[in-house]
Amino acid sequence: MRRSNFALRLQPSLLEELRKVAESEGVALNQFINVAVAEKLSALRTEEFFLERARGANRAEALRILQRAGKGNPPIPGDELPPGWTGWNNRAQKKAGPKRRVAKAARTA
């Protein structure tokens, strides 16, 4: 693999925090920065991948396919819902806890 040098200017507080985290992870600062950049690129590429897939999606066709899901297939043993189950929405809310609103100023800071 070809390596290259790049002068990176970081705020002193950010650099100090990076050093602490890299040390706690047991890796060199350079390795930590390389992995962080790779993870960010991966996240951006993943987002682009799904946006591209969504652009080519046919919503009407997907809904048509979902409408016929399970038709002609009777339940089999093990398909039962657990006792007290009230639905996906209630279950997800119980796990996530109450919704909190974040002030716009806090989100953009």
C-alpha atoms as a PDB file:
ATOM      1  CA  MET A   1       0.000   0.000   0.000  1.00  0.00           C
ATOM      2  CA  ARG A   2       1.325   3.403  -0.955  1.00  0.00           C
ATOM      3  CA  ARG A   3       1.585   5.858   1.904  1.00  0.00           C
ATOM      4  CA  SER A   4       1.660   9.608   1.739  1.00  0.00           C
ATOM      5  CA  ASN A   5       2.194  12.413   4.199  1.00  0.00           C
ATOM      6  CA  PHE A   6      -0.365  15.082   4.869  1.00  0.00           C
ATOM      7  CA  ALA A   7       0.051  17.985   7.249  1.00  0.00           C
ATOM      8  CA  LEU A   8      -3.061  18.076   9.391  1.00  0.00           C
ATOM      9  CA  ARG A   9      -3.805  21.148  11.465  1.00  0.00           C
ATOM     10  CA  LEU A  10      -5.952  20.377  14.499  1.00  0.00           C
ATOM     11  CA  GLN A  11      -7.105  22.529  17.353  1.00  0.00           C
ATOM     12  CA  PRO A  12      -4.926  21.805  20.403  1.00  0.00           C
ATOM     13  CA  SER A  13      -7.903  20.616  22.477  1.00  0.00           C
ATOM     14  CA  LEU A  14      -8.972  18.198  19.719  1.00  0.00           C
ATOM     15  CA  LEU A  15      -5.430  16.872  19.314  1.00  0.00           C
ATOM     16  CA  GLU A  16      -5.131  16.272  23.059  1.00  0.00           C
ATOM     17  CA  GLU A  17      -8.445  14.402  23.104  1.00  0.00           C
ATOM     18  CA  LEU A  18      -7.341  12.326  20.102  1.00  0.00           C
ATOM     19  CA  ARG A  19      -4.114  11.408  21.883  1.00  0.00           C
ATOM     20  CA  LYS A  20      -6.017  10.323  24.997  1.00  0.00           C
ATOM     21  CA  VAL A  21      -8.456   8.165  23.059  1.00  0.00           C
ATOM     22  CA  ALA A  22      -5.756   6.601  20.880  1.00  0.00           C
ATOM     23  CA  GLU A  23      -3.748   5.734  23.984  1.00  0.00           C
ATOM     24  CA  SER A  24      -6.793   4.236  25.713  1.00  0.00           C
ATOM     25  CA  GLU A  25      -7.458   2.163  22.565  1.00  0.00           C
ATOM     26  CA  GLY A  26      -3.823   1.055  22.496  1.00  0.00           C
ATOM     27  CA  VAL A  27      -3.115   2.357  18.988  1.00  0.00           C
ATOM     28  CA  ALA A  28      -0.844   4.997  17.530  1.00  0.00           C
ATOM     29  CA  LEU A  29      -2.344   8.426  16.922  1.00  0.00           C
ATOM     30  CA  ASN A  30      -1.758   8.055  13.173  1.00  0.00           C
ATOM     31  CA  GLN A  31      -3.567   4.693  13.134  1.00  0.00           C
ATOM     32  CA  PHE A  32      -6.486   6.140  15.092  1.00  0.00           C
ATOM     33  CA  ILE A  33      -6.863   9.034  12.638  1.00  0.00           C
ATOM     34  CA  ASN A  34      -6.641   6.646   9.664  1.00  0.00           C
ATOM     35  CA  VAL A  35      -9.412   4.461  11.080  1.00  0.00           C
ATOM     36  CA  ALA A  36     -11.581   7.487  11.929  1.00  0.00           C
ATOM     37  CA  VAL A  37     -11.263   8.847   8.389  1.00  0.00           C
ATOM     38  CA  ALA A  38     -12.003   5.392   6.918  1.00  0.00           C
ATOM     39  CA  GLU A  39     -15.119   5.055   9.093  1.00  0.00           C
ATOM     40  CA  LYS A  40     -16.385   8.485   8.036  1.00  0.00           C
ATOM     41  CA  LEU A  41     -15.830   7.693   4.349  1.00  0.00           C
ATOM     42  CA  SER A  42     -17.630   4.384   4.780  1.00  0.00           C
ATOM     43  CA  ALA A  43     -20.615   6.107   6.390  1.00  0.00           C
ATOM     44  CA  LEU A  44     -20.809   8.662   3.575  1.00  0.00           C
ATOM     45  CA  ARG A  45     -20.554   5.984   0.895  1.00  0.00           C
ATOM     46  CA  THR A  46     -23.241   3.920   2.605  1.00  0.00           C
ATOM     47  CA  GLU A  47     -25.573   6.911   2.662  1.00  0.00           C
ATOM     48  CA  GLU A  48     -24.883   7.555  -1.044  1.00  0.00           C
ATOM     49  CA  PHE A  49     -25.527   3.877  -1.837  1.00  0.00           C
ATOM     50  CA  PHE A  50     -28.964   3.901  -0.204  1.00  0.00           C
ATOM     51  CA  LEU A  51     -29.896   7.253  -1.732  1.00  0.00           C
ATOM     52  CA  GLU A  52     -29.013   5.893  -5.175  1.00  0.00           C
ATOM     53  CA  ARG A  53     -31.040   2.718  -4.529  1.00  0.00           C
ATOM     54  CA  ALA A  54     -34.000   4.823  -3.386  1.00  0.00           C
ATOM     55  CA  ARG A  55     -33.877   6.898  -6.578  1.00  0.00           C
ATOM     56  CA  GLY A  56     -34.357   3.738  -8.637  1.00  0.00           C
ATOM     57  CA  ALA A  57     -37.099   2.320  -6.429  1.00  0.00           C
ATOM     58  CA  ASN A  58     -40.611   1.755  -7.679  1.00  0.00           C
ATOM     59  CA  ARG A  59     -42.813   2.493  -4.679  1.00  0.00           C
ATOM     60  CA  ALA A  60     -46.019   1.247  -6.282  1.00  0.00           C
ATOM     61  CA  GLU A  61     -44.397  -2.078  -7.196  1.00  0.00           C
ATOM     62  CA  ALA A  62     -42.960  -2.513  -3.702  1.00  0.00           C
ATOM     63  CA  LEU A  63     -46.357  -1.870  -2.118  1.00  0.00           C
ATOM     64  CA  ARG A  64     -47.987  -4.330  -4.553  1.00  0.00           C
ATOM     65  CA  ILE A  65     -45.516  -7.028  -3.505  1.00  0.00           C
ATOM     66  CA  LEU A  66     -46.064  -6.306   0.183  1.00  0.00           C
ATOM     67  CA  GLN A  67     -49.847  -6.565  -0.255  1.00  0.00           C
ATOM     68  CA  ARG A  68     -49.546 -10.205  -1.246  1.00  0.00           C
ATOM     69  CA  ALA A  69     -47.037 -11.132   1.484  1.00  0.00           C
ATOM     70  CA  GLY A  70     -48.257 -14.099   3.484  1.00  0.00           C
ATOM     71  CA  LYS A  71     -51.357 -14.742   1.375  1.00  0.00           C
ATOM     72  CA  GLY A  72     -52.022 -18.447   0.992  1.00  0.00           C
ATOM     73  CA  ASN A  73     -49.567 -19.314   3.756  1.00  0.00           C
ATOM     74  CA  PRO A  74     -51.370 -20.277   6.964  1.00  0.00           C
ATOM     75  CA  PRO A  75     -49.502 -19.735  10.238  1.00  0.00           C
ATOM     76  CA  ILE A  76     -47.235 -22.552  11.364  1.00  0.00           C
ATOM     77  CA  PRO A  77     -46.312 -23.530  14.922  1.00  0.00           C
ATOM     78  CA  GLY A  78     -43.969 -20.878  16.323  1.00  0.00           C
ATOM     79  CA  ASP A  79     -45.657 -17.982  14.496  1.00  0.00           C
ATOM     80  CA  GLU A  80     -47.640 -17.043  17.608  1.00  0.00           C
ATOM     81  CA  LEU A  81     -47.145 -13.639  19.204  1.00  0.00           C
ATOM     82  CA  PRO A  82     -45.883 -13.598  22.780  1.00  0.00           C
ATOM     83  CA  PRO A  83     -48.474 -13.111  25.546  1.00  0.00           C
ATOM     84  CA  GLY A  84     -49.133  -9.429  26.228  1.00  0.00           C
ATOM     85  CA  TRP A  85     -47.690  -8.268  22.901  1.00  0.00           C
ATOM     86  CA  THR A  86     -49.472  -5.063  21.840  1.00  0.00           C
ATOM     87  CA  GLY A  87     -47.751  -4.132  18.602  1.00  0.00           C
ATOM     88  CA  TRP A  88     -44.473  -2.855  17.211  1.00  0.00           C
ATOM     89  CA  ASN A  89     -45.134   0.818  17.922  1.00  0.00           C
ATOM     90  CA  ASN A  90     -45.793   0.306  21.633  1.00  0.00           C
ATOM     91  CA  ARG A  91     -42.826  -2.042  21.961  1.00  0.00           C
ATOM     92  CA  ALA A  92     -40.404   0.375  20.276  1.00  0.00           C
ATOM     93  CA  GLN A  93     -41.568   3.276  22.431  1.00  0.00           C
ATOM     94  CA  LYS A  94     -41.073   1.283  25.627  1.00  0.00           C
ATOM     95  CA  LYS A  95     -37.496   0.438  24.628  1.00  0.00           C
ATOM     96  CA  ALA A  96     -36.622   3.945  23.445  1.00  0.00           C
ATOM     97  CA  GLY A  97     -38.248   5.727  26.363  1.00  0.00           C
ATOM     98  CA  PRO A  98     -40.068   9.031  26.059  1.00  0.00           C
ATOM     99  CA  LYS A  99     -39.368  11.216  23.056  1.00  0.00           C
ATOM    100  CA  ARG A 100     -37.386  14.330  23.769  1.00  0.00           C
ATOM    101  CA  ARG A 101     -37.409  17.482  21.717  1.00  0.00           C
ATOM    102  CA  VAL A 102     -34.076  19.090  21.008  1.00  0.00           C
ATOM    103  CA  ALA A 103     -34.002  22.837  20.581  1.00  0.00           C
ATOM    104  CA  LYS A 104     -32.959  23.946  17.106  1.00  0.00           C
ATOM    105  CA  ALA A 105     -30.134  26.041  18.550  1.00  0.00           C
ATOM    106  CA  ALA A 106     -28.704  22.992  20.323  1.00  0.00           C
ATOM    107  CA  ARG A 107     -28.798  20.898  17.131  1.00  0.00           C
ATOM    108  CA  THR A 108     -26.945  23.469  15.070  1.00  0.00           C
ATOM    109  CA  ALA A 109     -24.299  24.247  17.671  1.00  0.00           C
END
